[in-house]
Amino acid sequence: ASFEQNPMEKQSLNENVSETDLIRIFEKLDELNKSLNQTALDIFKNETDRKLLSKPSHLTFSIVHRAIELNRGFKSLSEANNWITAINLLRLQADNCMRLFALSLVKDRLDFYNRVINGEHIRNILDAEGNKMTDLYLSQKLDTLYPGFRMLYENASGFIHFSNEHLNINNDRIEDGNDFMMYIRIAETTEFSIAKKVDFAFNMFKVTEELYRLLNGYKLSMAEFMKRFDK
């Protein structure tokens, strides 16, 4: 079964999937990690060949490093069948997208870098249009570029903060009229269906893919910027 769909959009879960699809997604995620790394190396080489290294690129490399590590962690946790922890990393990867996107919205990237490295929260920094770059604002702006990003961000946030998502995960409820029976898990591993596993993994792939597109946008802008230092 093909997993070529956009799960960021609200739609029913695709039940026509198998372990083979899950394996394919993780293979694609591994390839994406290599692409992220190579693109970062291209940016680094384009600058260091001119005996330069921009501070905004340092921030970008830090985001890429975090993204690759998150993907590795997601895969390791899934292999350990610890999906309830793995799915939290979706929100962190979405955070990477928003942070890199924020860099493209400001008037002065160097000022942005200096404020972030000195501990200022991005939510208190204004973009070029004078808007505070809160997570809500950034996720909504990104949603115009990548439809469904906002929904993924909201759904992933439901796993980060204790919510009804966790109340639904640790129990099975059987209703019979006004009566119901509930089976509650405490120390047992939560077993997700293959359809949900594929959905979680594909969402991780998609949000990383959006990050990769943002990174390529940064690469192009810096390639043009660096030309001014050519003799």
C-alpha atoms as a PDB file:
ATOM      1  CA  ALA A   1       0.000   0.000   0.000  1.00  0.00           C
ATOM      2  CA  SER A   2       1.205   3.485  -0.757  1.00  0.00           C
ATOM      3  CA  PHE A   3       1.750   6.022   2.002  1.00  0.00           C
ATOM      4  CA  GLU A   4       1.947   8.875  -0.498  1.00  0.00           C
ATOM      5  CA  GLN A   5      -0.606  11.201   1.053  1.00  0.00           C
ATOM      6  CA  ASN A   6      -0.679  14.372   3.092  1.00  0.00           C
ATOM      7  CA  PRO A   7      -1.502  13.322   6.651  1.00  0.00           C
ATOM      8  CA  MET A   8      -1.154  16.916   7.807  1.00  0.00           C
ATOM      9  CA  GLU A   9      -4.598  17.501   6.351  1.00  0.00           C
ATOM     10  CA  LYS A  10      -7.579  16.312   8.382  1.00  0.00           C
ATOM     11  CA  GLN A  11      -8.553  12.949   6.963  1.00  0.00           C
ATOM     12  CA  SER A  12      -9.407   9.445   8.062  1.00  0.00           C
ATOM     13  CA  LEU A  13      -6.586   7.092   8.992  1.00  0.00           C
ATOM     14  CA  ASN A  14      -5.330   4.975   6.097  1.00  0.00           C
ATOM     15  CA  GLU A  15      -5.866   1.377   7.212  1.00  0.00           C
ATOM     16  CA  ASN A  16      -4.512  -0.086   3.977  1.00  0.00           C
ATOM     17  CA  VAL A  17      -0.882  -0.147   5.152  1.00  0.00           C
ATOM     18  CA  SER A  18       1.612  -2.712   6.407  1.00  0.00           C
ATOM     19  CA  GLU A  19       5.000  -3.115   8.083  1.00  0.00           C
ATOM     20  CA  THR A  20       6.527  -2.735   4.619  1.00  0.00           C
ATOM     21  CA  ASP A  21       5.199   0.816   4.437  1.00  0.00           C
ATOM     22  CA  LEU A  22       6.677   1.595   7.840  1.00  0.00           C
ATOM     23  CA  ILE A  23      10.077   0.285   6.739  1.00  0.00           C
ATOM     24  CA  ARG A  24       9.909   2.400   3.576  1.00  0.00           C
ATOM     25  CA  ILE A  25       9.135   5.534   5.553  1.00  0.00           C
ATOM     26  CA  PHE A  26      12.121   5.040   7.827  1.00  0.00           C
ATOM     27  CA  GLU A  27      14.326   4.433   4.787  1.00  0.00           C
ATOM     28  CA  LYS A  28      13.094   7.749   3.369  1.00  0.00           C
ATOM     29  CA  LEU A  29      13.708   9.428   6.722  1.00  0.00           C
ATOM     30  CA  ASP A  30      17.296   8.146   6.732  1.00  0.00           C
ATOM     31  CA  GLU A  31      17.761   9.543   3.221  1.00  0.00           C
ATOM     32  CA  LEU A  32      16.341  12.865   4.362  1.00  0.00           C
ATOM     33  CA  ASN A  33      18.845  12.980   7.224  1.00  0.00           C
ATOM     34  CA  LYS A  34      21.656  12.565   4.695  1.00  0.00           C
ATOM     35  CA  SER A  35      20.184  15.331   2.548  1.00  0.00           C
ATOM     36  CA  LEU A  36      19.928  17.672   5.536  1.00  0.00           C
ATOM     37  CA  ASN A  37      23.537  16.976   6.417  1.00  0.00           C
ATOM     38  CA  GLN A  38      24.751  17.474   2.845  1.00  0.00           C
ATOM     39  CA  THR A  39      22.880  20.746   2.427  1.00  0.00           C
ATOM     40  CA  ALA A  40      24.356  22.053   5.678  1.00  0.00           C
ATOM     41  CA  LEU A  41      27.812  21.033   4.432  1.00  0.00           C
ATOM     42  CA  ASP A  42      27.159  22.876   1.153  1.00  0.00           C
ATOM     43  CA  ILE A  43      26.275  26.041   3.074  1.00  0.00           C
ATOM     44  CA  PHE A  44      29.367  25.629   5.255  1.00  0.00           C
ATOM     45  CA  LYS A  45      31.663  25.115   2.255  1.00  0.00           C
ATOM     46  CA  ASN A  46      30.196  28.058   0.345  1.00  0.00           C
ATOM     47  CA  GLU A  47      31.139  30.306   3.248  1.00  0.00           C
ATOM     48  CA  THR A  48      34.433  28.795   4.412  1.00  0.00           C
ATOM     49  CA  ASP A  49      35.795  28.702   0.849  1.00  0.00           C
ATOM     50  CA  ARG A  50      35.663  32.480   1.177  1.00  0.00           C
ATOM     51  CA  LYS A  51      37.247  32.222   4.642  1.00  0.00           C
ATOM     52  CA  LEU A  52      33.951  33.309   6.187  1.00  0.00           C
ATOM     53  CA  LEU A  53      31.330  31.771   8.451  1.00  0.00           C
ATOM     54  CA  SER A  54      28.141  33.672   9.192  1.00  0.00           C
ATOM     55  CA  LYS A  55      26.529  33.604  12.602  1.00  0.00           C
ATOM     56  CA  PRO A  56      23.037  32.958  11.189  1.00  0.00           C
ATOM     57  CA  SER A  57      24.485  29.844   9.544  1.00  0.00           C
ATOM     58  CA  HIS A  58      25.734  28.717  12.955  1.00  0.00           C
ATOM     59  CA  LEU A  59      22.132  28.903  14.159  1.00  0.00           C
ATOM     60  CA  THR A  60      21.003  26.997  11.069  1.00  0.00           C
ATOM     61  CA  PHE A  61      23.571  24.237  11.600  1.00  0.00           C
ATOM     62  CA  SER A  62      22.390  23.868  15.199  1.00  0.00           C
ATOM     63  CA  ILE A  63      18.819  23.384  13.995  1.00  0.00           C
ATOM     64  CA  VAL A  64      19.924  20.795  11.418  1.00  0.00           C
ATOM     65  CA  HIS A  65      21.930  18.892  14.029  1.00  0.00           C
ATOM     66  CA  ARG A  66      18.934  18.827  16.357  1.00  0.00           C
ATOM     67  CA  ALA A  67      16.650  17.699  13.528  1.00  0.00           C
ATOM     68  CA  ILE A  68      18.871  14.767  12.568  1.00  0.00           C
ATOM     69  CA  GLU A  69      19.198  13.686  16.197  1.00  0.00           C
ATOM     70  CA  LEU A  70      15.426  13.878  16.661  1.00  0.00           C
ATOM     71  CA  ASN A  71      14.908  11.630  13.644  1.00  0.00           C
ATOM     72  CA  ARG A  72      17.440   9.146  14.978  1.00  0.00           C
ATOM     73  CA  GLY A  73      15.735   9.206  18.362  1.00  0.00           C
ATOM     74  CA  PHE A  74      12.318   8.750  16.764  1.00  0.00           C
ATOM     75  CA  LYS A  75      13.543   5.682  14.911  1.00  0.00           C
ATOM     76  CA  SER A  76      15.259   4.199  17.988  1.00  0.00           C
ATOM     77  CA  LEU A  77      12.170   4.682  20.137  1.00  0.00           C
ATOM     78  CA  SER A  78       9.915   3.142  17.503  1.00  0.00           C
ATOM     79  CA  GLU A  79      12.223   0.136  17.224  1.00  0.00           C
ATOM     80  CA  ALA A  80      11.896  -0.232  21.003  1.00  0.00           C
ATOM     81  CA  ASN A  81       8.101  -0.071  20.530  1.00  0.00           C
ATOM     82  CA  ASN A  82       8.019   3.085  22.657  1.00  0.00           C
ATOM     83  CA  TRP A  83       5.735   5.038  20.382  1.00  0.00           C
ATOM     84  CA  ILE A  84       4.165   7.051  23.197  1.00  0.00           C
ATOM     85  CA  THR A  85       7.562   8.744  23.628  1.00  0.00           C
ATOM     86  CA  ALA A  86       8.485   8.806  19.945  1.00  0.00           C
ATOM     87  CA  ILE A  87       5.427  10.812  18.937  1.00  0.00           C
ATOM     88  CA  ASN A  88       6.465  13.650  21.272  1.00  0.00           C
ATOM     89  CA  LEU A  89       9.385  14.286  18.934  1.00  0.00           C
ATOM     90  CA  LEU A  90       6.971  15.355  16.200  1.00  0.00           C
ATOM     91  CA  ARG A  91       6.324  18.557  18.146  1.00  0.00           C
ATOM     92  CA  LEU A  92      10.048  19.203  18.559  1.00  0.00           C
ATOM     93  CA  GLN A  93      10.636  18.761  14.833  1.00  0.00           C
ATOM     94  CA  ALA A  94       7.806  21.196  14.136  1.00  0.00           C
ATOM     95  CA  ASP A  95       9.613  23.570  16.507  1.00  0.00           C
ATOM     96  CA  ASN A  96      12.732  23.274  14.339  1.00  0.00           C
ATOM     97  CA  CYS A  97      10.692  24.315  11.306  1.00  0.00           C
ATOM     98  CA  MET A  98       9.318  27.352  13.093  1.00  0.00           C
ATOM     99  CA  ARG A  99      12.742  28.448  14.368  1.00  0.00           C
ATOM    100  CA  LEU A 100      14.370  28.219  10.937  1.00  0.00           C
ATOM    101  CA  PHE A 101      11.362  29.910   9.361  1.00  0.00           C
ATOM    102  CA  ALA A 102      11.630  32.756  11.875  1.00  0.00           C
ATOM    103  CA  LEU A 103      15.150  33.470  10.613  1.00  0.00           C
ATOM    104  CA  SER A 104      13.707  34.173   7.157  1.00  0.00           C
ATOM    105  CA  LEU A 105      11.136  36.649   8.487  1.00  0.00           C
ATOM    106  CA  VAL A 106      13.375  39.166  10.251  1.00  0.00           C
ATOM    107  CA  LYS A 107      14.991  42.290   8.822  1.00  0.00           C
ATOM    108  CA  ASP A 108      18.382  41.634  10.412  1.00  0.00           C
ATOM    109  CA  ARG A 109      19.504  38.016  10.692  1.00  0.00           C
ATOM    110  CA  LEU A 110      22.642  38.898  12.631  1.00  0.00           C
ATOM    111  CA  ASP A 111      20.618  40.798  15.232  1.00  0.00           C
ATOM    112  CA  PHE A 112      18.245  37.825  15.434  1.00  0.00           C
ATOM    113  CA  TYR A 113      21.166  35.448  16.017  1.00  0.00           C
ATOM    114  CA  ASN A 114      22.694  37.661  18.708  1.00  0.00           C
ATOM    115  CA  ARG A 115      19.411  37.966  20.576  1.00  0.00           C
ATOM    116  CA  VAL A 116      18.737  34.224  20.448  1.00  0.00           C
ATOM    117  CA  ILE A 117      22.248  33.228  21.538  1.00  0.00           C
ATOM    118  CA  ASN A 118      21.946  35.677  24.439  1.00  0.00           C
ATOM    119  CA  GLY A 119      18.850  33.838  25.631  1.00  0.00           C
ATOM    120  CA  GLU A 120      16.016  35.978  24.309  1.00  0.00           C
ATOM    121  CA  HIS A 121      12.861  34.047  23.456  1.00  0.00           C
ATOM    122  CA  ILE A 122      11.957  34.109  19.770  1.00  0.00           C
ATOM    123  CA  ARG A 123       8.348  34.794  20.754  1.00  0.00           C
ATOM    124  CA  ASN A 124       9.461  38.257  21.921  1.00  0.00           C
ATOM    125  CA  ILE A 125      11.319  39.102  18.703  1.00  0.00           C
ATOM    126  CA  LEU A 126       9.505  40.991  15.929  1.00  0.00           C
ATOM    127  CA  ASP A 127       9.502  39.970  12.291  1.00  0.00           C
ATOM    128  CA  ALA A 128      10.009  42.466   9.457  1.00  0.00           C
ATOM    129  CA  GLU A 129       6.302  43.357   9.583  1.00  0.00           C
ATOM    130  CA  GLY A 130       6.384  44.138  13.303  1.00  0.00           C
ATOM    131  CA  ASN A 131       4.670  40.971  14.518  1.00  0.00           C
ATOM    132  CA  LYS A 132       5.825  39.024  17.554  1.00  0.00           C
ATOM    133  CA  MET A 133       6.996  35.626  16.375  1.00  0.00           C
ATOM    134  CA  THR A 134       5.004  33.480  18.765  1.00  0.00           C
ATOM    135  CA  ASP A 135       4.503  29.794  18.038  1.00  0.00           C
ATOM    136  CA  LEU A 136       0.903  30.542  17.070  1.00  0.00           C
ATOM    137  CA  TYR A 137       1.989  33.222  14.603  1.00  0.00           C
ATOM    138  CA  LEU A 138       4.793  31.137  13.100  1.00  0.00           C
ATOM    139  CA  SER A 139       2.663  28.019  12.761  1.00  0.00           C
ATOM    140  CA  GLN A 140      -0.077  29.996  11.017  1.00  0.00           C
ATOM    141  CA  LYS A 141       2.425  31.622   8.643  1.00  0.00           C
ATOM    142  CA  LEU A 142       3.984  28.247   7.870  1.00  0.00           C
ATOM    143  CA  ASP A 143       0.544  26.821   7.216  1.00  0.00           C
ATOM    144  CA  THR A 144       0.215  29.160   4.243  1.00  0.00           C
ATOM    145  CA  LEU A 145       3.382  27.621   2.770  1.00  0.00           C
ATOM    146  CA  TYR A 146       2.700  24.046   3.802  1.00  0.00           C
ATOM    147  CA  PRO A 147      -1.051  23.498   4.267  1.00  0.00           C
ATOM    148  CA  GLY A 148      -1.715  21.292   7.268  1.00  0.00           C
ATOM    149  CA  PHE A 149       1.345  22.381   9.249  1.00  0.00           C
ATOM    150  CA  ARG A 150      -0.808  24.178  11.801  1.00  0.00           C
ATOM    151  CA  MET A 151      -2.929  21.074  12.351  1.00  0.00           C
ATOM    152  CA  LEU A 152       0.137  18.877  12.773  1.00  0.00           C
ATOM    153  CA  TYR A 153       1.573  21.379  15.259  1.00  0.00           C
ATOM    154  CA  GLU A 154      -1.640  21.413  17.301  1.00  0.00           C
ATOM    155  CA  ASN A 155      -2.020  17.631  17.259  1.00  0.00           C
ATOM    156  CA  ALA A 156       1.623  17.108  18.224  1.00  0.00           C
ATOM    157  CA  SER A 157       1.264  19.616  21.068  1.00  0.00           C
ATOM    158  CA  GLY A 158      -1.482  17.389  22.458  1.00  0.00           C
ATOM    159  CA  PHE A 159       1.155  14.739  23.112  1.00  0.00           C
ATOM    160  CA  ILE A 160       3.732  17.113  24.633  1.00  0.00           C
ATOM    161  CA  HIS A 161       1.358  18.443  27.304  1.00  0.00           C
ATOM    162  CA  PHE A 162      -0.720  15.980  29.296  1.00  0.00           C
ATOM    163  CA  SER A 163      -4.118  15.991  27.650  1.00  0.00           C
ATOM    164  CA  ASN A 164      -7.052  13.876  26.559  1.00  0.00           C
ATOM    165  CA  GLU A 165      -4.653  12.197  24.128  1.00  0.00           C
ATOM    166  CA  HIS A 166      -2.943  10.461  27.062  1.00  0.00           C
ATOM    167  CA  LEU A 167      -6.248   9.640  28.728  1.00  0.00           C
ATOM    168  CA  ASN A 168      -7.291   7.896  25.535  1.00  0.00           C
ATOM    169  CA  ILE A 169      -3.987   6.067  25.020  1.00  0.00           C
ATOM    170  CA  ASN A 170      -3.737   4.164  28.303  1.00  0.00           C
ATOM    171  CA  ASN A 171      -7.190   2.596  28.287  1.00  0.00           C
ATOM    172  CA  ASP A 172      -9.656   0.566  26.281  1.00  0.00           C
ATOM    173  CA  ARG A 173     -13.301   1.354  26.927  1.00  0.00           C
ATOM    174  CA  ILE A 174     -16.241  -0.865  26.049  1.00  0.00           C
ATOM    175  CA  GLU A 175     -19.673   0.728  26.393  1.00  0.00           C
ATOM    176  CA  ASP A 176     -22.968  -1.124  26.761  1.00  0.00           C
ATOM    177  CA  GLY A 177     -25.825   1.302  27.099  1.00  0.00           C
ATOM    178  CA  ASN A 178     -25.373   3.181  30.376  1.00  0.00           C
ATOM    179  CA  ASP A 179     -22.659   0.796  31.546  1.00  0.00           C
ATOM    180  CA  PHE A 180     -19.071   0.575  30.432  1.00  0.00           C
ATOM    181  CA  MET A 181     -16.001  -1.507  31.124  1.00  0.00           C
ATOM    182  CA  MET A 182     -12.542   0.027  31.045  1.00  0.00           C
ATOM    183  CA  TYR A 183      -9.171  -1.707  30.794  1.00  0.00           C
ATOM    184  CA  ILE A 184      -6.368   0.533  32.050  1.00  0.00           C
ATOM    185  CA  ARG A 185      -2.651   0.145  31.324  1.00  0.00           C
ATOM    186  CA  ILE A 186      -0.048   1.402  33.793  1.00  0.00           C
ATOM    187  CA  ALA A 187       3.326  -0.304  33.304  1.00  0.00           C
ATOM    188  CA  GLU A 188       2.449  -2.132  30.111  1.00  0.00           C
ATOM    189  CA  THR A 189       3.726  -1.033  26.707  1.00  0.00           C
ATOM    190  CA  THR A 190       1.077   0.724  24.659  1.00  0.00           C
ATOM    191  CA  GLU A 191       0.358  -1.194  21.475  1.00  0.00           C
ATOM    192  CA  PHE A 192      -0.566   0.939  18.488  1.00  0.00           C
ATOM    193  CA  SER A 193      -2.022  -0.399  15.265  1.00  0.00           C
ATOM    194  CA  ILE A 194       0.222  -0.512  12.208  1.00  0.00           C
ATOM    195  CA  ALA A 195      -1.999   2.177  10.665  1.00  0.00           C
ATOM    196  CA  LYS A 196      -1.236   4.564  13.534  1.00  0.00           C
ATOM    197  CA  LYS A 197       2.473   3.721  13.461  1.00  0.00           C
ATOM    198  CA  VAL A 198       2.628   4.480   9.751  1.00  0.00           C
ATOM    199  CA  ASP A 199       0.701   7.710  10.315  1.00  0.00           C
ATOM    200  CA  PHE A 200       3.055   8.862  13.085  1.00  0.00           C
ATOM    201  CA  ALA A 201       6.170   7.967  11.079  1.00  0.00           C
ATOM    202  CA  PHE A 202       4.914   9.602   7.901  1.00  0.00           C
ATOM    203  CA  ASN A 203       4.097  12.795   9.782  1.00  0.00           C
ATOM    204  CA  MET A 204       7.656  12.826  11.115  1.00  0.00           C
ATOM    205  CA  PHE A 205       8.908  12.396   7.567  1.00  0.00           C
ATOM    206  CA  LYS A 206       6.668  15.186   6.261  1.00  0.00           C
ATOM    207  CA  VAL A 207       7.597  17.743   8.908  1.00  0.00           C
ATOM    208  CA  THR A 208      11.289  16.959   8.326  1.00  0.00           C
ATOM    209  CA  GLU A 209      10.714  17.368   4.601  1.00  0.00           C
ATOM    210  CA  GLU A 210       9.293  20.844   5.229  1.00  0.00           C
ATOM    211  CA  LEU A 211      12.397  21.658   7.271  1.00  0.00           C
ATOM    212  CA  TYR A 212      14.556  20.471   4.377  1.00  0.00           C
ATOM    213  CA  ARG A 213      12.725  22.815   2.008  1.00  0.00           C
ATOM    214  CA  LEU A 214      13.256  25.720   4.393  1.00  0.00           C
ATOM    215  CA  LEU A 215      16.937  24.813   4.639  1.00  0.00           C
ATOM    216  CA  ASN A 216      17.277  24.860   0.862  1.00  0.00           C
ATOM    217  CA  GLY A 217      15.666  28.286   0.822  1.00  0.00           C
ATOM    218  CA  TYR A 218      18.281  29.481   3.312  1.00  0.00           C
ATOM    219  CA  LYS A 219      21.034  27.891   1.211  1.00  0.00           C
ATOM    220  CA  LEU A 220      19.921  29.798  -1.891  1.00  0.00           C
ATOM    221  CA  SER A 221      19.676  33.106  -0.036  1.00  0.00           C
ATOM    222  CA  MET A 222      23.146  32.689   1.479  1.00  0.00           C
ATOM    223  CA  ALA A 223      24.670  31.677  -1.862  1.00  0.00           C
ATOM    224  CA  GLU A 224      23.427  34.977  -3.271  1.00  0.00           C
ATOM    225  CA  PHE A 225      24.485  36.925  -0.173  1.00  0.00           C
ATOM    226  CA  MET A 226      28.017  35.512  -0.241  1.00  0.00           C
ATOM    227  CA  LYS A 227      28.613  36.743  -3.795  1.00  0.00           C
ATOM    228  CA  ARG A 228      29.083  40.248  -2.433  1.00  0.00           C
ATOM    229  CA  PHE A 229      32.305  39.087  -0.784  1.00  0.00           C
ATOM    230  CA  ASP A 230      33.800  37.867  -4.062  1.00  0.00           C
ATOM    231  CA  LYS A 231      36.630  39.971  -5.392  1.00  0.00           C
END
